[in-house]
Amino acid sequence: MEENKNIMIHAEDISRAFPVGNDLFWGLKHIDMDICSGELTILKGRSGSGKTTLLNILSALDRPTEGKLFLDGQDVTAMSDGERDLLRRGKIGYIYQSVALIPMMSAYENVEFALRLAEKTPEGKARLTEGRRKRAEDCLHMVGLGSRMSHMPQEMSGGEQQRVAIARAIASRPLVLFADEPTAELDTNTGLQVVKIFKDLCRAEGVTIVMTTHDTGLMDIGDRVYELEDGEVIGHKYE
């Protein structure tokens, strides 16, 4: 692990194999990685490079075939399925390429509904010190949608919908936010705005964000960038 850094995620010799007929395909090979608290980390790579497979393991959605993963000091690889479910519900937020907003709910209602779900867990209740309304409104203001709270998803642009999804994901104050190709369906300028919002949230909320992308134009915004090819880390950049 890195010296003098608050490590949120530590991946140690992570490999992931998938059965293909009678053989194994190694989608990830011996990944060592540290992700620091409060930083924006970008996993860069072309389609098939292994970045989404790695993101799924880092976010406790999948298990590695070999190696160990620690999140917030906990050994995720030693957890039962039930313990991993509680970890995801209590400490992790997700943003996907498809924003999956509830179409019959306004931007505000989409975020507020996520808070209702979070409050059903002890961890969610502990993190949400203010009321749901104030927190939902604050999150929408943070992503620049203070004037669009009452709008329905179909009345918003793709970039605005993605920003609602970001507000929804951060509302319950997760320790770590994972985003899989969140800018893939956006134009370059809108995608850049979304990633800048991520960077601002790291500073304002102290959340750790890990995102995948193949867009080389976004690389300079990340605090650190890991480049993957054929399931291996072939390069990295630390700010």
Protein backbone atom coordinates (compact mmCIF):
# COMPACT_ATOMS: atom_id res chain seq x y z
CA MET A 1 0.00 0.00 0.00
CA GLU A 2 1.06 3.60 -0.60
CA GLU A 3 2.71 5.53 2.18
CA ASN A 4 1.03 8.61 3.71
CA LYS A 5 -2.21 8.01 1.83
CA ASN A 6 -5.64 7.09 3.12
CA ILE A 7 -6.33 3.99 1.02
CA MET A 8 -10.03 3.33 0.46
CA ILE A 9 -9.58 0.31 -1.83
CA HIS A 10 -6.60 -2.04 -2.01
CA ALA A 11 -6.49 -4.73 -4.70
CA GLU A 12 -3.80 -7.35 -4.27
CA ASP A 13 -2.88 -9.73 -7.12
CA ILE A 14 -6.46 -9.82 -8.46
CA SER A 15 -7.17 -12.24 -11.30
CA ARG A 16 -10.51 -13.30 -12.76
CA ALA A 17 -11.08 -16.36 -14.93
CA PHE A 18 -14.16 -17.27 -16.95
CA PRO A 19 -14.89 -20.80 -18.23
CA VAL A 20 -14.84 -21.09 -22.02
CA GLY A 21 -15.65 -24.65 -23.01
CA ASN A 22 -13.07 -26.82 -21.28
CA ASP A 23 -10.62 -23.95 -20.89
CA LEU A 24 -10.37 -20.76 -18.83
CA PHE A 25 -10.23 -17.23 -20.18
CA TRP A 26 -8.38 -14.88 -17.84
CA GLY A 27 -10.21 -11.56 -18.05
CA LEU A 28 -7.95 -10.03 -15.37
CA LYS A 29 -4.36 -10.95 -14.59
CA HIS A 30 -2.51 -10.06 -11.39
CA ILE A 31 -3.95 -6.61 -10.76
CA ASP A 32 -2.35 -4.60 -7.94
CA MET A 33 -4.03 -1.27 -7.27
CA ASP A 34 -4.58 1.35 -4.58
CA ILE A 35 -7.51 3.78 -4.74
CA CYS A 36 -7.23 6.70 -2.33
CA SER A 37 -10.03 8.21 -0.32
CA GLY A 38 -11.60 11.36 -1.75
CA GLU A 39 -10.02 11.00 -5.19
CA LEU A 40 -11.32 10.45 -8.71
CA THR A 41 -9.77 7.33 -10.19
CA ILE A 42 -10.26 6.51 -13.87
CA LEU A 43 -9.95 3.01 -15.33
CA LYS A 44 -9.06 3.53 -18.97
CA GLY A 45 -9.14 0.97 -21.75
CA ARG A 46 -10.69 -0.13 -25.01
CA SER A 47 -13.67 -2.47 -25.14
CA GLY A 48 -12.53 -5.89 -23.92
CA SER A 49 -9.59 -4.53 -21.92
CA GLY A 50 -11.05 -5.77 -18.62
CA LYS A 51 -12.02 -2.43 -17.07
CA THR A 52 -15.67 -3.32 -16.45
CA THR A 53 -14.68 -6.71 -15.06
CA LEU A 54 -12.31 -4.96 -12.70
CA LEU A 55 -14.94 -2.39 -11.72
CA ASN A 56 -17.38 -5.19 -10.86
CA ILE A 57 -14.82 -6.78 -8.56
CA LEU A 58 -13.79 -3.51 -6.92
CA SER A 59 -17.46 -2.73 -6.23
CA ALA A 60 -18.17 -6.16 -4.70
CA LEU A 61 -20.55 -7.16 -7.49
CA ASP A 62 -18.25 -10.03 -8.53
CA ARG A 63 -15.58 -12.13 -6.84
CA PRO A 64 -12.00 -12.56 -8.07
CA THR A 65 -10.75 -16.02 -8.93
CA GLU A 66 -7.48 -15.20 -7.20
CA GLY A 67 -6.21 -12.37 -5.01
CA LYS A 68 -7.61 -10.18 -2.25
CA LEU A 69 -9.68 -7.02 -2.14
CA PHE A 70 -9.98 -4.62 0.79
CA LEU A 71 -12.53 -1.80 0.96
CA ASP A 72 -12.46 0.64 3.86
CA GLY A 73 -10.17 -1.79 5.68
CA GLN A 74 -12.51 -4.76 5.27
CA ASP A 75 -11.47 -7.94 3.47
CA VAL A 76 -14.21 -8.17 0.85
CA THR A 77 -12.95 -11.47 -0.51
CA ALA A 78 -13.50 -13.12 2.88
CA MET A 79 -17.13 -11.96 3.14
CA SER A 80 -20.21 -14.10 2.66
CA ASP A 81 -22.73 -13.12 0.00
CA GLY A 82 -24.95 -11.61 2.68
CA GLU A 83 -22.11 -9.55 4.10
CA ARG A 84 -21.25 -8.28 0.62
CA ASP A 85 -24.91 -7.26 0.11
CA LEU A 86 -24.78 -5.22 3.32
CA LEU A 87 -21.49 -3.64 2.25
CA ARG A 88 -22.97 -2.53 -1.08
CA ARG A 89 -26.13 -1.17 0.54
CA GLY A 90 -24.24 0.60 3.29
CA LYS A 91 -21.13 2.04 1.66
CA ILE A 92 -21.35 1.93 -2.14
CA GLY A 93 -23.18 3.91 -4.83
CA TYR A 94 -23.49 3.03 -8.52
CA ILE A 95 -23.96 4.97 -11.76
CA TYR A 96 -24.40 3.09 -15.01
CA GLN A 97 -24.28 4.02 -18.68
CA SER A 98 -28.05 3.69 -18.74
CA VAL A 99 -29.32 6.18 -16.16
CA ALA A 100 -32.43 4.09 -15.32
CA LEU A 101 -34.43 6.96 -13.83
CA ILE A 102 -38.03 6.22 -12.89
CA PRO A 103 -39.95 7.87 -15.77
CA MET A 104 -43.06 8.71 -13.74
CA MET A 105 -41.04 10.60 -11.11
CA SER A 106 -39.56 14.09 -11.33
CA ALA A 107 -35.84 14.70 -10.83
CA TYR A 108 -36.50 15.57 -7.19
CA GLU A 109 -38.70 12.51 -6.64
CA ASN A 110 -36.08 10.18 -8.17
CA VAL A 111 -33.47 11.42 -5.68
CA GLU A 112 -35.82 11.53 -2.70
CA PHE A 113 -37.00 7.97 -3.41
CA ALA A 114 -33.40 6.75 -3.28
CA LEU A 115 -33.09 8.35 0.16
CA ARG A 116 -36.19 6.53 1.37
CA LEU A 117 -34.58 3.23 0.39
CA ALA A 118 -31.27 4.17 2.06
CA GLU A 119 -33.00 5.00 5.33
CA LYS A 120 -34.17 1.39 5.61
CA THR A 121 -30.60 0.39 6.57
CA PRO A 122 -28.83 1.35 9.83
CA GLU A 123 -25.88 2.69 7.82
CA GLY A 124 -28.15 4.90 5.75
CA LYS A 125 -29.85 6.36 8.81
CA ALA A 126 -26.48 7.12 10.40
CA ARG A 127 -25.22 9.04 7.36
CA LEU A 128 -28.37 11.06 6.69
CA THR A 129 -28.40 13.71 9.37
CA GLU A 130 -30.68 16.14 7.54
CA GLY A 131 -34.18 15.52 6.23
CA ARG A 132 -34.83 13.84 2.91
CA ARG A 133 -36.17 16.98 1.24
CA LYS A 134 -33.14 19.12 2.11
CA ARG A 135 -30.65 16.42 1.13
CA ALA A 136 -32.39 15.73 -2.20
CA GLU A 137 -32.49 19.43 -3.02
CA ASP A 138 -28.87 19.94 -1.97
CA CYS A 139 -27.71 17.07 -4.20
CA LEU A 140 -29.57 18.42 -7.23
CA HIS A 141 -28.06 21.85 -6.61
CA MET A 142 -24.59 20.25 -6.45
CA VAL A 143 -25.01 18.83 -9.95
CA GLY A 144 -26.38 22.10 -11.33
CA LEU A 145 -30.06 21.14 -11.51
CA GLY A 146 -31.53 23.36 -8.83
CA SER A 147 -33.91 24.90 -11.35
CA ARG A 148 -34.92 21.56 -12.92
CA MET A 149 -36.10 19.62 -9.87
CA SER A 150 -39.73 19.39 -10.95
CA HIS A 151 -38.94 18.24 -14.49
CA MET A 152 -39.64 14.69 -15.60
CA PRO A 153 -36.83 12.61 -17.17
CA GLN A 154 -38.38 12.83 -20.64
CA GLU A 155 -38.25 16.62 -20.37
CA MET A 156 -34.50 16.60 -19.78
CA SER A 157 -31.47 16.15 -22.02
CA GLY A 158 -29.22 13.09 -21.77
CA GLY A 159 -26.65 15.07 -19.82
CA GLU A 160 -29.27 16.35 -17.39
CA GLN A 161 -30.61 12.84 -16.85
CA GLN A 162 -27.09 11.63 -16.07
CA ARG A 163 -26.70 14.45 -13.56
CA VAL A 164 -29.94 13.36 -11.86
CA ALA A 165 -28.49 9.84 -11.68
CA ILE A 166 -25.36 11.27 -10.04
CA ALA A 167 -27.45 13.21 -7.51
CA ARG A 168 -29.42 10.05 -6.75
CA ALA A 169 -26.25 8.01 -6.28
CA ILE A 170 -24.57 10.45 -3.87
CA ALA A 171 -27.71 11.30 -1.88
CA SER A 172 -27.18 8.57 0.73
CA ARG A 173 -23.55 9.65 1.24
CA PRO A 174 -21.77 6.50 0.01
CA LEU A 175 -18.10 6.13 0.83
CA VAL A 176 -17.36 5.00 -2.73
CA LEU A 177 -19.17 5.73 -5.99
CA PHE A 178 -18.61 3.47 -9.00
CA ALA A 179 -19.51 4.66 -12.51
CA ASP A 180 -19.33 2.34 -15.54
CA GLU A 181 -18.89 4.35 -18.76
CA PRO A 182 -21.11 7.19 -17.46
CA THR A 183 -20.25 9.45 -20.42
CA ALA A 184 -20.49 6.88 -23.22
CA GLU A 185 -23.86 8.12 -24.51
CA LEU A 186 -23.03 11.81 -24.12
CA ASP A 187 -21.29 14.21 -26.48
CA THR A 188 -17.74 15.23 -25.63
CA ASN A 189 -18.56 18.55 -23.96
CA THR A 190 -21.39 17.10 -21.87
CA GLY A 191 -19.22 14.15 -20.86
CA LEU A 192 -16.51 16.55 -19.76
CA GLN A 193 -19.02 18.45 -17.62
CA VAL A 194 -20.12 15.20 -15.95
CA VAL A 195 -16.56 14.21 -15.06
CA LYS A 196 -15.87 17.70 -13.71
CA ILE A 197 -18.92 17.24 -11.48
CA PHE A 198 -17.33 14.01 -10.22
CA LYS A 199 -14.13 15.88 -9.39
CA ASP A 200 -16.06 18.59 -7.55
CA LEU A 201 -17.99 15.97 -5.57
CA CYS A 202 -14.75 14.36 -4.43
CA ARG A 203 -13.78 17.69 -2.91
CA ALA A 204 -17.20 18.77 -1.59
CA GLU A 205 -18.51 15.45 -0.31
CA GLY A 206 -15.27 13.56 0.32
CA VAL A 207 -16.60 10.65 -1.75
CA THR A 208 -14.18 8.31 -3.52
CA ILE A 209 -15.14 7.87 -7.19
CA VAL A 210 -13.99 5.14 -9.58
CA MET A 211 -15.13 5.33 -13.19
CA THR A 212 -14.40 3.51 -16.43
CA THR A 213 -14.02 5.18 -19.80
CA HIS A 214 -12.43 4.76 -23.20
CA ASP A 215 -12.50 8.53 -23.85
CA THR A 216 -8.91 9.80 -23.83
CA GLY A 217 -10.16 13.37 -23.56
CA LEU A 218 -11.16 12.79 -19.93
CA MET A 219 -7.83 11.50 -18.67
CA ASP A 220 -6.42 14.79 -17.40
CA ILE A 221 -9.28 15.30 -14.95
CA GLY A 222 -8.63 12.15 -12.91
CA ASP A 223 -6.46 12.26 -9.79
CA ARG A 224 -5.10 8.93 -10.98
CA VAL A 225 -5.58 6.91 -14.12
CA TYR A 226 -4.97 3.19 -14.62
CA GLU A 227 -4.76 1.97 -18.21
CA LEU A 228 -5.81 -1.62 -18.90
CA GLU A 229 -5.12 -3.83 -21.87
CA ASP A 230 -5.90 -7.56 -22.17
CA GLY A 231 -6.76 -7.75 -18.48
CA GLU A 232 -3.54 -6.18 -17.22
CA VAL A 233 -2.56 -2.73 -15.98
CA ILE A 234 -0.09 -1.42 -18.54
CA GLY A 235 0.26 2.12 -17.26
CA HIS A 236 -0.81 4.55 -14.58
CA LYS A 237 -0.75 8.24 -13.76
CA TYR A 238 -0.90 9.81 -10.32
CA GLU A 239 -1.69 13.50 -9.86
